N, C-alpha and C. Protein backbone atom coordinates (compact mmCIF):
# COMPACT_ATOMS: atom_id res chain seq x y z
N UNK A 1 56.05 15.60 114.30
CA UNK A 1 54.80 15.21 113.69
C UNK A 1 54.38 16.26 112.67
N UNK A 2 53.72 15.84 111.65
CA UNK A 2 53.24 16.75 110.62
C UNK A 2 51.86 17.29 110.96
N UNK A 3 51.39 18.16 110.10
CA UNK A 3 50.05 18.73 110.25
C UNK A 3 49.25 18.41 109.00
N UNK A 4 48.08 17.83 109.21
CA UNK A 4 47.16 17.54 108.12
C UNK A 4 46.14 18.67 108.03
N UNK A 5 45.94 19.20 106.83
CA UNK A 5 45.02 20.32 106.61
C UNK A 5 44.00 19.88 105.56
N UNK A 6 42.74 19.77 105.96
CA UNK A 6 41.67 19.35 105.05
C UNK A 6 40.69 20.52 104.92
N UNK A 7 40.59 21.10 103.72
CA UNK A 7 39.79 22.30 103.49
C UNK A 7 38.62 21.99 102.56
N UNK A 8 37.44 22.44 102.95
CA UNK A 8 36.24 22.35 102.11
C UNK A 8 35.62 23.73 102.03
N UNK A 9 35.37 24.20 100.82
CA UNK A 9 34.80 25.52 100.64
C UNK A 9 33.44 25.41 99.98
N UNK A 10 32.46 26.10 100.55
CA UNK A 10 31.11 26.13 100.03
C UNK A 10 30.64 27.58 100.05
N UNK A 11 30.69 28.23 98.90
CA UNK A 11 30.36 29.65 98.79
C UNK A 11 31.22 30.47 99.75
N UNK A 12 30.60 31.14 100.72
CA UNK A 12 31.35 32.00 101.64
C UNK A 12 31.75 31.30 102.92
N UNK A 13 31.53 29.98 103.00
CA UNK A 13 31.92 29.24 104.20
C UNK A 13 33.07 28.30 103.89
N UNK A 14 34.11 28.38 104.69
CA UNK A 14 35.28 27.53 104.56
C UNK A 14 35.38 26.69 105.82
N UNK A 15 35.35 25.36 105.66
CA UNK A 15 35.51 24.44 106.79
C UNK A 15 36.89 23.83 106.71
N UNK A 16 37.59 23.86 107.83
CA UNK A 16 38.96 23.36 107.88
C UNK A 16 39.08 22.35 109.02
N UNK A 17 39.60 21.18 108.70
CA UNK A 17 39.86 20.16 109.72
C UNK A 17 41.38 20.03 109.84
N UNK A 18 41.90 20.24 111.03
CA UNK A 18 43.33 20.14 111.26
C UNK A 18 43.63 18.94 112.15
N UNK A 19 44.75 18.29 111.88
CA UNK A 19 45.18 17.16 112.71
C UNK A 19 46.69 17.17 112.80
N UNK A 20 47.20 17.04 114.01
CA UNK A 20 48.65 17.01 114.23
C UNK A 20 49.11 18.15 115.11
N UNK A 21 50.30 18.62 114.85
CA UNK A 21 50.91 19.67 115.67
C UNK A 21 51.07 20.96 114.87
N UNK A 22 50.75 22.08 115.52
CA UNK A 22 50.94 23.39 114.90
C UNK A 22 52.07 24.08 115.66
N UNK A 23 53.23 24.15 115.00
CA UNK A 23 54.42 24.71 115.64
C UNK A 23 55.23 25.50 114.61
N UNK A 24 56.43 25.88 114.98
CA UNK A 24 57.26 26.70 114.08
C UNK A 24 57.54 25.99 112.76
N UNK A 25 57.51 24.68 112.75
CA UNK A 25 57.77 23.92 111.54
C UNK A 25 56.54 23.85 110.63
N UNK A 26 55.35 23.66 111.21
CA UNK A 26 54.13 23.47 110.40
C UNK A 26 53.31 24.74 110.19
N UNK A 27 53.50 25.74 111.04
CA UNK A 27 52.70 26.97 110.95
C UNK A 27 52.83 27.71 109.62
N UNK A 28 54.02 27.81 109.03
CA UNK A 28 54.10 28.52 107.74
C UNK A 28 53.23 27.88 106.65
N UNK A 29 53.17 26.57 106.62
CA UNK A 29 52.33 25.87 105.65
C UNK A 29 50.84 26.15 105.92
N UNK A 30 50.48 26.17 107.19
CA UNK A 30 49.10 26.46 107.57
C UNK A 30 48.72 27.88 107.13
N UNK A 31 49.60 28.84 107.37
CA UNK A 31 49.36 30.23 106.97
C UNK A 31 49.21 30.32 105.45
N UNK A 32 50.11 29.68 104.74
CA UNK A 32 50.10 29.71 103.28
C UNK A 32 48.81 29.11 102.70
N UNK A 33 48.29 28.10 103.37
CA UNK A 33 47.08 27.41 102.91
C UNK A 33 45.81 28.22 103.22
N UNK A 34 45.73 28.81 104.41
CA UNK A 34 44.48 29.42 104.86
C UNK A 34 44.36 30.92 104.62
N UNK A 35 45.46 31.65 104.67
CA UNK A 35 45.37 33.11 104.53
C UNK A 35 44.70 33.54 103.23
N UNK A 36 45.03 32.94 102.08
CA UNK A 36 44.34 33.35 100.84
C UNK A 36 42.82 33.12 100.90
N UNK A 37 42.39 32.11 101.65
CA UNK A 37 40.96 31.83 101.77
C UNK A 37 40.24 32.87 102.63
N UNK A 38 41.01 33.60 103.45
CA UNK A 38 40.45 34.61 104.33
C UNK A 38 40.29 35.95 103.63
N UNK A 39 40.73 36.05 102.39
CA UNK A 39 40.70 37.32 101.68
C UNK A 39 39.38 37.61 100.99
N UNK A 40 38.50 36.63 100.90
CA UNK A 40 37.20 36.86 100.27
C UNK A 40 36.29 37.69 101.16
N UNK A 41 35.32 38.33 100.54
CA UNK A 41 34.36 39.15 101.29
C UNK A 41 33.41 38.26 102.08
N UNK A 42 33.14 38.64 103.33
CA UNK A 42 32.14 38.00 104.18
C UNK A 42 32.35 36.50 104.36
N UNK A 43 33.58 36.06 104.35
CA UNK A 43 33.88 34.64 104.51
C UNK A 43 33.79 34.24 105.98
N UNK A 44 33.14 33.11 106.24
CA UNK A 44 33.15 32.50 107.56
C UNK A 44 34.06 31.29 107.49
N UNK A 45 35.10 31.29 108.31
CA UNK A 45 36.02 30.17 108.35
C UNK A 45 35.84 29.44 109.67
N UNK A 46 35.53 28.16 109.57
CA UNK A 46 35.33 27.33 110.75
C UNK A 46 36.48 26.33 110.79
N UNK A 47 37.30 26.43 111.82
CA UNK A 47 38.47 25.56 111.93
C UNK A 47 38.26 24.59 113.10
N UNK A 48 38.27 23.31 112.77
CA UNK A 48 38.09 22.26 113.77
C UNK A 48 39.47 21.83 114.28
N UNK A 49 39.67 21.98 115.59
CA UNK A 49 40.96 21.68 116.21
C UNK A 49 40.91 20.40 117.05
N UNK A 50 39.90 19.58 116.85
CA UNK A 50 39.71 18.36 117.65
C UNK A 50 40.96 17.47 117.64
N UNK A 51 41.61 17.33 116.50
CA UNK A 51 42.74 16.42 116.38
C UNK A 51 44.09 17.13 116.41
N UNK A 52 44.11 18.35 116.95
CA UNK A 52 45.39 19.08 117.11
C UNK A 52 45.94 18.74 118.49
N UNK A 53 47.13 18.13 118.50
CA UNK A 53 47.71 17.67 119.76
C UNK A 53 48.64 18.70 120.40
N UNK A 54 49.09 19.70 119.61
CA UNK A 54 50.04 20.67 120.13
C UNK A 54 49.89 21.97 119.36
N UNK A 55 49.99 23.08 120.08
CA UNK A 55 49.92 24.41 119.47
C UNK A 55 50.88 25.33 120.22
N UNK A 56 51.79 25.98 119.48
CA UNK A 56 52.70 26.92 120.14
C UNK A 56 52.39 28.36 119.71
N UNK A 57 53.23 29.29 120.12
CA UNK A 57 52.98 30.70 119.85
C UNK A 57 53.01 31.01 118.35
N UNK A 58 53.78 30.26 117.59
CA UNK A 58 53.80 30.46 116.14
C UNK A 58 52.43 30.14 115.56
N UNK A 59 51.84 29.06 116.02
CA UNK A 59 50.50 28.68 115.59
C UNK A 59 49.46 29.72 116.00
N UNK A 60 49.58 30.21 117.22
CA UNK A 60 48.65 31.26 117.67
C UNK A 60 48.75 32.47 116.74
N UNK A 61 49.98 32.80 116.35
CA UNK A 61 50.18 33.93 115.43
C UNK A 61 49.48 33.74 114.10
N UNK A 62 49.46 32.50 113.60
CA UNK A 62 48.75 32.21 112.35
C UNK A 62 47.26 32.48 112.53
N UNK A 63 46.69 32.03 113.64
CA UNK A 63 45.26 32.25 113.87
C UNK A 63 44.94 33.73 114.02
N UNK A 64 45.84 34.48 114.65
CA UNK A 64 45.64 35.94 114.78
C UNK A 64 45.64 36.58 113.39
N UNK A 65 46.58 36.20 112.54
CA UNK A 65 46.65 36.76 111.19
C UNK A 65 45.40 36.44 110.37
N UNK A 66 44.92 35.22 110.47
CA UNK A 66 43.70 34.82 109.75
C UNK A 66 42.50 35.58 110.30
N UNK A 67 42.44 35.69 111.63
CA UNK A 67 41.35 36.43 112.28
C UNK A 67 41.30 37.88 111.78
N UNK A 68 42.46 38.54 111.75
CA UNK A 68 42.52 39.94 111.30
C UNK A 68 42.11 40.08 109.84
N UNK A 69 42.58 39.18 108.99
CA UNK A 69 42.26 39.25 107.57
C UNK A 69 40.76 39.03 107.34
N UNK A 70 40.18 38.08 108.03
CA UNK A 70 38.74 37.83 107.90
C UNK A 70 37.95 39.05 108.36
N UNK A 71 38.34 39.59 109.51
CA UNK A 71 37.64 40.75 110.08
C UNK A 71 37.71 41.96 109.13
N UNK A 72 38.88 42.18 108.51
CA UNK A 72 39.05 43.27 107.54
C UNK A 72 38.05 43.17 106.39
N UNK A 73 37.71 41.94 106.02
CA UNK A 73 36.85 41.70 104.87
C UNK A 73 35.42 41.34 105.25
N UNK A 74 35.03 41.66 106.50
CA UNK A 74 33.66 41.43 106.93
C UNK A 74 33.34 39.98 107.24
N UNK A 75 34.39 39.19 107.46
CA UNK A 75 34.19 37.76 107.72
C UNK A 75 34.29 37.43 109.19
N UNK A 76 34.32 36.13 109.45
CA UNK A 76 34.33 35.64 110.83
C UNK A 76 35.18 34.38 110.92
N UNK A 77 35.88 34.23 112.04
CA UNK A 77 36.65 33.03 112.33
C UNK A 77 36.01 32.34 113.51
N UNK A 78 35.77 31.03 113.36
CA UNK A 78 35.27 30.22 114.46
C UNK A 78 36.21 29.05 114.65
N UNK A 79 36.70 28.89 115.86
CA UNK A 79 37.55 27.76 116.21
C UNK A 79 36.70 26.82 117.05
N UNK A 80 36.57 25.57 116.59
CA UNK A 80 35.68 24.64 117.28
C UNK A 80 36.41 23.38 117.73
N UNK A 81 35.78 22.69 118.67
CA UNK A 81 36.24 21.42 119.23
C UNK A 81 37.66 21.50 119.78
N UNK A 82 37.94 22.58 120.50
CA UNK A 82 39.23 22.73 121.15
C UNK A 82 39.29 21.83 122.37
N UNK A 83 40.43 21.21 122.58
CA UNK A 83 40.63 20.45 123.82
C UNK A 83 40.70 21.47 124.96
N UNK A 84 40.56 20.99 126.18
CA UNK A 84 40.65 21.89 127.34
C UNK A 84 42.00 22.60 127.36
N UNK A 85 43.05 21.88 126.96
CA UNK A 85 44.40 22.46 126.96
C UNK A 85 44.51 23.60 125.95
N UNK A 86 43.98 23.38 124.74
CA UNK A 86 44.04 24.44 123.73
C UNK A 86 43.15 25.61 124.12
N UNK A 87 41.97 25.31 124.65
CA UNK A 87 41.06 26.38 125.06
C UNK A 87 41.73 27.26 126.13
N UNK A 88 42.40 26.62 127.06
CA UNK A 88 43.10 27.36 128.11
C UNK A 88 44.21 28.24 127.51
N UNK A 89 44.92 27.73 126.53
CA UNK A 89 45.97 28.50 125.87
C UNK A 89 45.40 29.79 125.25
N UNK A 90 44.26 29.68 124.59
CA UNK A 90 43.62 30.86 124.00
C UNK A 90 43.14 31.81 125.10
N UNK A 91 42.66 31.26 126.21
CA UNK A 91 42.17 32.11 127.30
C UNK A 91 43.30 32.86 128.00
N UNK A 92 44.42 32.18 128.29
CA UNK A 92 45.49 32.86 129.02
C UNK A 92 46.22 33.89 128.16
N UNK A 93 46.13 33.76 126.85
CA UNK A 93 46.74 34.76 125.97
C UNK A 93 45.79 35.92 125.69
N UNK A 94 44.54 35.80 126.17
CA UNK A 94 43.55 36.85 125.93
C UNK A 94 42.83 36.70 124.60
N UNK A 95 43.25 35.76 123.77
CA UNK A 95 42.62 35.58 122.46
C UNK A 95 41.21 35.01 122.58
N UNK A 96 40.96 34.31 123.67
CA UNK A 96 39.62 33.76 123.89
C UNK A 96 38.57 34.84 124.05
N UNK A 97 39.00 36.05 124.41
CA UNK A 97 38.07 37.16 124.57
C UNK A 97 37.71 37.84 123.26
N UNK A 98 38.55 37.68 122.24
CA UNK A 98 38.28 38.35 120.97
C UNK A 98 37.90 37.40 119.85
N UNK A 99 38.26 36.12 120.01
CA UNK A 99 37.94 35.14 118.97
C UNK A 99 36.78 34.27 119.43
N UNK A 100 36.05 33.75 118.45
CA UNK A 100 34.95 32.85 118.72
C UNK A 100 35.52 31.44 118.85
N UNK A 101 35.68 30.97 120.10
CA UNK A 101 36.20 29.63 120.32
C UNK A 101 35.17 28.80 121.07
N UNK A 102 35.18 27.51 120.78
CA UNK A 102 34.18 26.63 121.38
C UNK A 102 34.78 25.26 121.62
N UNK A 103 34.47 24.67 122.77
CA UNK A 103 34.97 23.34 123.09
C UNK A 103 34.21 22.26 122.34
N UNK A 104 33.04 22.63 121.79
CA UNK A 104 32.26 21.61 121.05
C UNK A 104 31.78 22.14 119.73
């Protein structure tokens, strides 16, 4: 399955809607699309994961890279509408303790 990436930027806020699977095949495209948007000063990136059906370690690595880049530049990453399965994945990897994640 492919990954759909829908990005809307409004000043320092970037809203991203993802749909599909984030894996070794789709993660490089996701990184290429979002990492440059994380380089602005004080950017808040809100990524909606409601329609993400699968996420592997490669995808987690993309989110870590985006999180670090945003933090370096005084920004923030918010992951919203995670399924229980995705939320658990972030929690068992310890990323739920450092990233702003929300089930709704």
